[in-house]
Amino acid sequence: MIRICYLEEGIMTRIVLDRRVSNDGFLQLNIPLGTAEAGREVRVTVESVAPNKTMTADEWRSGILATSGGWQGEFEPPQIGELEEREPLS
């Protein structure tokens, strides 16, 4: 999957690639950016992607039941202090 984000029309700001490291431990990237990006300095960041773990219905139910009764206090927002008066901007 490739996601390209643009700040302004035609100006690349970010490309996100999801790739797998090969069995020999190398990550190879060939990214065609176009002639408009030629000569531009870029930064490459590599981070591991956590595997997607889907929760079973029993795991979800256990998590909900574990939090049951955990709230200590009232269900009302804290008091808001006095607002200061300011001069109008115009």
N, C-alpha and C. Protein backbone atom coordinates (compact mmCIF):
# COMPACT_ATOMS: atom_id res chain seq x y z
N MET A 1 0.84 -1.17 0.00
CA MET A 1 0.00 0.00 0.00
C MET A 1 0.89 1.24 0.00
N ILE A 2 0.55 2.22 -0.80
CA ILE A 2 1.26 3.49 -0.86
C ILE A 2 0.27 4.61 -0.62
N ARG A 3 0.57 5.50 0.33
CA ARG A 3 -0.25 6.69 0.56
C ARG A 3 0.64 7.90 0.35
N ILE A 4 0.23 8.82 -0.50
CA ILE A 4 0.99 10.04 -0.77
C ILE A 4 0.16 11.22 -0.28
N CYS A 5 0.76 12.06 0.55
CA CYS A 5 0.07 13.23 1.09
C CYS A 5 0.68 14.49 0.48
N TYR A 6 -0.14 15.41 0.09
CA TYR A 6 0.32 16.67 -0.51
C TYR A 6 -0.11 17.84 0.36
N LEU A 7 0.83 18.76 0.63
CA LEU A 7 0.53 19.97 1.37
C LEU A 7 -0.15 20.98 0.47
N GLU A 8 0.41 21.19 -0.70
CA GLU A 8 -0.15 22.06 -1.72
C GLU A 8 -0.20 21.27 -3.00
N GLU A 9 -0.92 21.76 -3.97
CA GLU A 9 -1.03 21.04 -5.23
C GLU A 9 0.35 20.82 -5.84
N GLY A 10 0.69 19.55 -6.06
CA GLY A 10 1.94 19.22 -6.72
C GLY A 10 3.15 19.18 -5.82
N ILE A 11 3.04 19.52 -4.52
CA ILE A 11 4.19 19.49 -3.61
C ILE A 11 4.03 18.31 -2.66
N MET A 12 4.91 17.32 -2.82
CA MET A 12 4.85 16.13 -1.98
C MET A 12 5.35 16.46 -0.58
N THR A 13 4.62 16.02 0.44
CA THR A 13 5.09 16.20 1.80
C THR A 13 5.34 14.89 2.50
N ARG A 14 4.60 13.83 2.12
CA ARG A 14 4.77 12.57 2.83
C ARG A 14 4.30 11.41 1.96
N ILE A 15 5.06 10.34 1.98
CA ILE A 15 4.67 9.09 1.33
C ILE A 15 4.77 8.00 2.38
N VAL A 16 3.74 7.19 2.53
CA VAL A 16 3.74 6.09 3.49
C VAL A 16 3.68 4.79 2.70
N LEU A 17 4.66 3.93 2.93
CA LEU A 17 4.73 2.63 2.25
C LEU A 17 4.68 1.53 3.31
N ASP A 18 3.93 0.50 3.03
CA ASP A 18 3.95 -0.69 3.87
C ASP A 18 4.64 -1.78 3.07
N ARG A 19 5.80 -2.18 3.51
CA ARG A 19 6.58 -3.20 2.81
C ARG A 19 7.10 -4.22 3.82
N ARG A 20 7.45 -5.41 3.34
CA ARG A 20 7.99 -6.46 4.19
C ARG A 20 9.49 -6.61 3.92
N VAL A 21 10.26 -6.79 4.99
CA VAL A 21 11.69 -7.04 4.87
C VAL A 21 11.87 -8.43 4.30
N SER A 22 12.78 -8.56 3.34
CA SER A 22 13.00 -9.87 2.70
C SER A 22 13.66 -10.85 3.67
N ASN A 23 13.67 -12.13 3.29
CA ASN A 23 14.25 -13.18 4.15
C ASN A 23 15.72 -12.96 4.44
N ASP A 24 16.43 -12.23 3.56
CA ASP A 24 17.85 -11.96 3.80
C ASP A 24 18.06 -10.72 4.67
N GLY A 25 16.97 -10.11 5.16
CA GLY A 25 17.07 -8.98 6.07
C GLY A 25 17.19 -7.63 5.40
N PHE A 26 16.98 -7.55 4.11
CA PHE A 26 17.09 -6.28 3.40
C PHE A 26 15.71 -5.73 3.05
N LEU A 27 15.60 -4.44 3.11
CA LEU A 27 14.41 -3.74 2.66
C LEU A 27 14.81 -2.94 1.44
N GLN A 28 14.17 -3.22 0.31
CA GLN A 28 14.50 -2.51 -0.92
C GLN A 28 13.31 -1.66 -1.32
N LEU A 29 13.59 -0.38 -1.62
CA LEU A 29 12.55 0.55 -2.02
C LEU A 29 12.90 1.18 -3.35
N ASN A 30 11.98 1.16 -4.28
CA ASN A 30 12.06 1.90 -5.53
C ASN A 30 10.80 2.73 -5.60
N ILE A 31 10.96 4.03 -5.44
CA ILE A 31 9.80 4.90 -5.36
C ILE A 31 9.89 5.95 -6.46
N PRO A 32 9.06 5.85 -7.50
CA PRO A 32 9.09 6.86 -8.55
C PRO A 32 8.39 8.14 -8.07
N LEU A 33 9.16 9.21 -7.91
CA LEU A 33 8.61 10.46 -7.40
C LEU A 33 8.33 11.47 -8.50
N GLY A 34 8.86 11.27 -9.67
CA GLY A 34 8.63 12.20 -10.77
C GLY A 34 9.72 13.25 -10.86
N THR A 35 9.81 13.87 -12.01
CA THR A 35 10.88 14.85 -12.25
C THR A 35 10.73 16.10 -11.39
N ALA A 36 9.52 16.42 -10.96
CA ALA A 36 9.32 17.60 -10.11
C ALA A 36 10.05 17.46 -8.77
N GLU A 37 10.29 16.22 -8.35
CA GLU A 37 10.97 15.98 -7.07
C GLU A 37 12.47 15.74 -7.25
N ALA A 38 12.97 15.75 -8.47
CA ALA A 38 14.39 15.49 -8.73
C ALA A 38 15.26 16.50 -8.01
N GLY A 39 16.30 16.02 -7.36
CA GLY A 39 17.24 16.88 -6.66
C GLY A 39 16.79 17.30 -5.27
N ARG A 40 15.59 16.95 -4.89
CA ARG A 40 15.06 17.33 -3.58
C ARG A 40 15.60 16.40 -2.50
N GLU A 41 15.95 16.95 -1.35
CA GLU A 41 16.40 16.13 -0.23
C GLU A 41 15.18 15.56 0.48
N VAL A 42 15.25 14.28 0.86
CA VAL A 42 14.14 13.62 1.53
C VAL A 42 14.66 12.91 2.77
N ARG A 43 13.76 12.53 3.65
CA ARG A 43 14.09 11.78 4.86
C ARG A 43 13.33 10.47 4.81
N VAL A 44 14.02 9.37 5.10
CA VAL A 44 13.39 8.06 5.14
C VAL A 44 13.42 7.58 6.58
N THR A 45 12.26 7.22 7.11
CA THR A 45 12.13 6.69 8.47
C THR A 45 11.61 5.27 8.37
N VAL A 46 12.25 4.35 9.07
CA VAL A 46 11.82 2.96 9.06
C VAL A 46 11.36 2.61 10.47
N GLU A 47 10.13 2.10 10.57
CA GLU A 47 9.61 1.67 11.86
C GLU A 47 8.85 0.36 11.68
N SER A 48 8.91 -0.48 12.68
CA SER A 48 8.20 -1.75 12.61
C SER A 48 6.70 -1.49 12.72
N VAL A 49 5.95 -2.29 12.00
CA VAL A 49 4.50 -2.20 12.06
C VAL A 49 4.01 -3.36 12.90
N ALA A 50 3.25 -3.04 13.93
CA ALA A 50 2.71 -4.09 14.80
C ALA A 50 1.68 -4.90 14.01
N PRO A 51 1.72 -6.21 14.16
CA PRO A 51 0.72 -7.02 13.45
C PRO A 51 -0.68 -6.71 13.98
N ASN A 52 -1.63 -6.73 13.07
CA ASN A 52 -3.02 -6.50 13.47
C ASN A 52 -3.51 -7.71 14.24
N LYS A 53 -3.98 -7.46 15.44
CA LYS A 53 -4.52 -8.54 16.26
C LYS A 53 -6.00 -8.26 16.45
N THR A 54 -6.80 -9.11 15.91
CA THR A 54 -8.23 -8.94 16.10
C THR A 54 -8.64 -9.60 17.41
N MET A 55 -9.48 -8.91 18.11
CA MET A 55 -9.94 -9.37 19.40
C MET A 55 -11.14 -10.29 19.21
N THR A 56 -11.12 -11.40 19.90
CA THR A 56 -12.28 -12.29 19.84
C THR A 56 -13.40 -11.69 20.67
N ALA A 57 -14.60 -12.19 20.49
CA ALA A 57 -15.75 -11.71 21.27
C ALA A 57 -15.52 -11.94 22.75
N ASP A 58 -14.93 -13.07 23.11
CA ASP A 58 -14.67 -13.36 24.53
C ASP A 58 -13.63 -12.42 25.12
N GLU A 59 -12.58 -12.09 24.33
CA GLU A 59 -11.57 -11.13 24.81
C GLU A 59 -12.19 -9.76 25.02
N TRP A 60 -13.04 -9.32 24.08
CA TRP A 60 -13.70 -8.03 24.21
C TRP A 60 -14.58 -8.00 25.45
N ARG A 61 -15.37 -9.06 25.64
CA ARG A 61 -16.28 -9.14 26.80
C ARG A 61 -15.48 -9.13 28.09
N SER A 62 -14.37 -9.86 28.15
CA SER A 62 -13.53 -9.88 29.36
C SER A 62 -12.98 -8.49 29.66
N GLY A 63 -12.57 -7.76 28.61
CA GLY A 63 -12.05 -6.41 28.82
C GLY A 63 -13.12 -5.47 29.36
N ILE A 64 -14.34 -5.58 28.83
CA ILE A 64 -15.44 -4.74 29.31
C ILE A 64 -15.77 -5.09 30.76
N LEU A 65 -15.86 -6.36 31.06
CA LEU A 65 -16.18 -6.77 32.43
C LEU A 65 -15.09 -6.38 33.42
N ALA A 66 -13.82 -6.36 32.97
CA ALA A 66 -12.71 -5.98 33.86
C ALA A 66 -12.80 -4.50 34.24
N THR A 67 -13.37 -3.68 33.37
CA THR A 67 -13.48 -2.25 33.69
C THR A 67 -14.77 -1.92 34.43
N SER A 68 -15.68 -2.86 34.50
CA SER A 68 -16.96 -2.62 35.17
C SER A 68 -16.73 -2.27 36.63
N GLY A 69 -17.32 -1.16 37.06
CA GLY A 69 -17.18 -0.73 38.44
C GLY A 69 -15.89 -0.01 38.73
N GLY A 70 -15.08 0.25 37.72
CA GLY A 70 -13.79 0.90 37.92
C GLY A 70 -13.88 2.40 38.16
N TRP A 71 -14.96 3.04 37.76
CA TRP A 71 -15.08 4.49 37.93
C TRP A 71 -15.41 4.81 39.37
N GLN A 72 -14.61 5.67 39.96
CA GLN A 72 -14.84 6.11 41.34
C GLN A 72 -15.15 7.59 41.31
N GLY A 73 -16.38 7.97 41.58
CA GLY A 73 -16.73 9.38 41.58
C GLY A 73 -18.09 9.61 40.94
N GLU A 74 -18.40 10.87 40.74
CA GLU A 74 -19.67 11.24 40.16
C GLU A 74 -19.54 11.39 38.65
N PHE A 75 -20.66 11.27 37.96
CA PHE A 75 -20.67 11.47 36.52
C PHE A 75 -21.09 12.90 36.21
N GLU A 76 -20.27 13.84 36.59
CA GLU A 76 -20.51 15.24 36.27
C GLU A 76 -19.18 15.92 36.04
N PRO A 77 -19.16 16.94 35.17
CA PRO A 77 -17.90 17.61 34.87
C PRO A 77 -17.40 18.42 36.06
N PRO A 78 -16.10 18.67 36.12
CA PRO A 78 -15.57 19.51 37.20
C PRO A 78 -16.06 20.95 37.05
N GLN A 79 -16.03 21.68 38.14
CA GLN A 79 -16.46 23.08 38.12
C GLN A 79 -15.52 23.90 37.24
N ILE A 80 -16.10 24.84 36.50
CA ILE A 80 -15.32 25.74 35.66
C ILE A 80 -15.14 27.04 36.41
N GLY A 81 -13.91 27.53 36.44
CA GLY A 81 -13.62 28.78 37.15
C GLY A 81 -14.21 29.99 36.43
N GLU A 82 -13.93 31.15 36.99
CA GLU A 82 -14.41 32.39 36.40
C GLU A 82 -13.66 32.70 35.11
N LEU A 83 -14.38 33.19 34.11
CA LEU A 83 -13.75 33.60 32.85
C LEU A 83 -13.30 35.04 32.97
N GLU A 84 -12.10 35.33 32.48
CA GLU A 84 -11.61 36.69 32.55
C GLU A 84 -12.24 37.55 31.46
N GLU A 85 -12.44 38.81 31.75
CA GLU A 85 -12.98 39.76 30.79
C GLU A 85 -11.83 40.31 29.96
N ARG A 86 -12.01 40.38 28.65
CA ARG A 86 -10.98 40.92 27.78
C ARG A 86 -11.57 42.05 26.93
N GLU A 87 -10.68 42.94 26.50
CA GLU A 87 -11.12 44.02 25.63
C GLU A 87 -11.40 43.45 24.25
N PRO A 88 -12.36 44.03 23.52
CA PRO A 88 -12.62 43.56 22.16
C PRO A 88 -11.40 43.74 21.27
N LEU A 89 -11.26 42.88 20.26
CA LEU A 89 -10.12 42.94 19.36
C LEU A 89 -10.18 44.11 18.39
N SER A 90 -11.38 44.55 18.03
CA SER A 90 -11.45 45.63 17.05
C SER A 90 -11.85 46.95 17.67
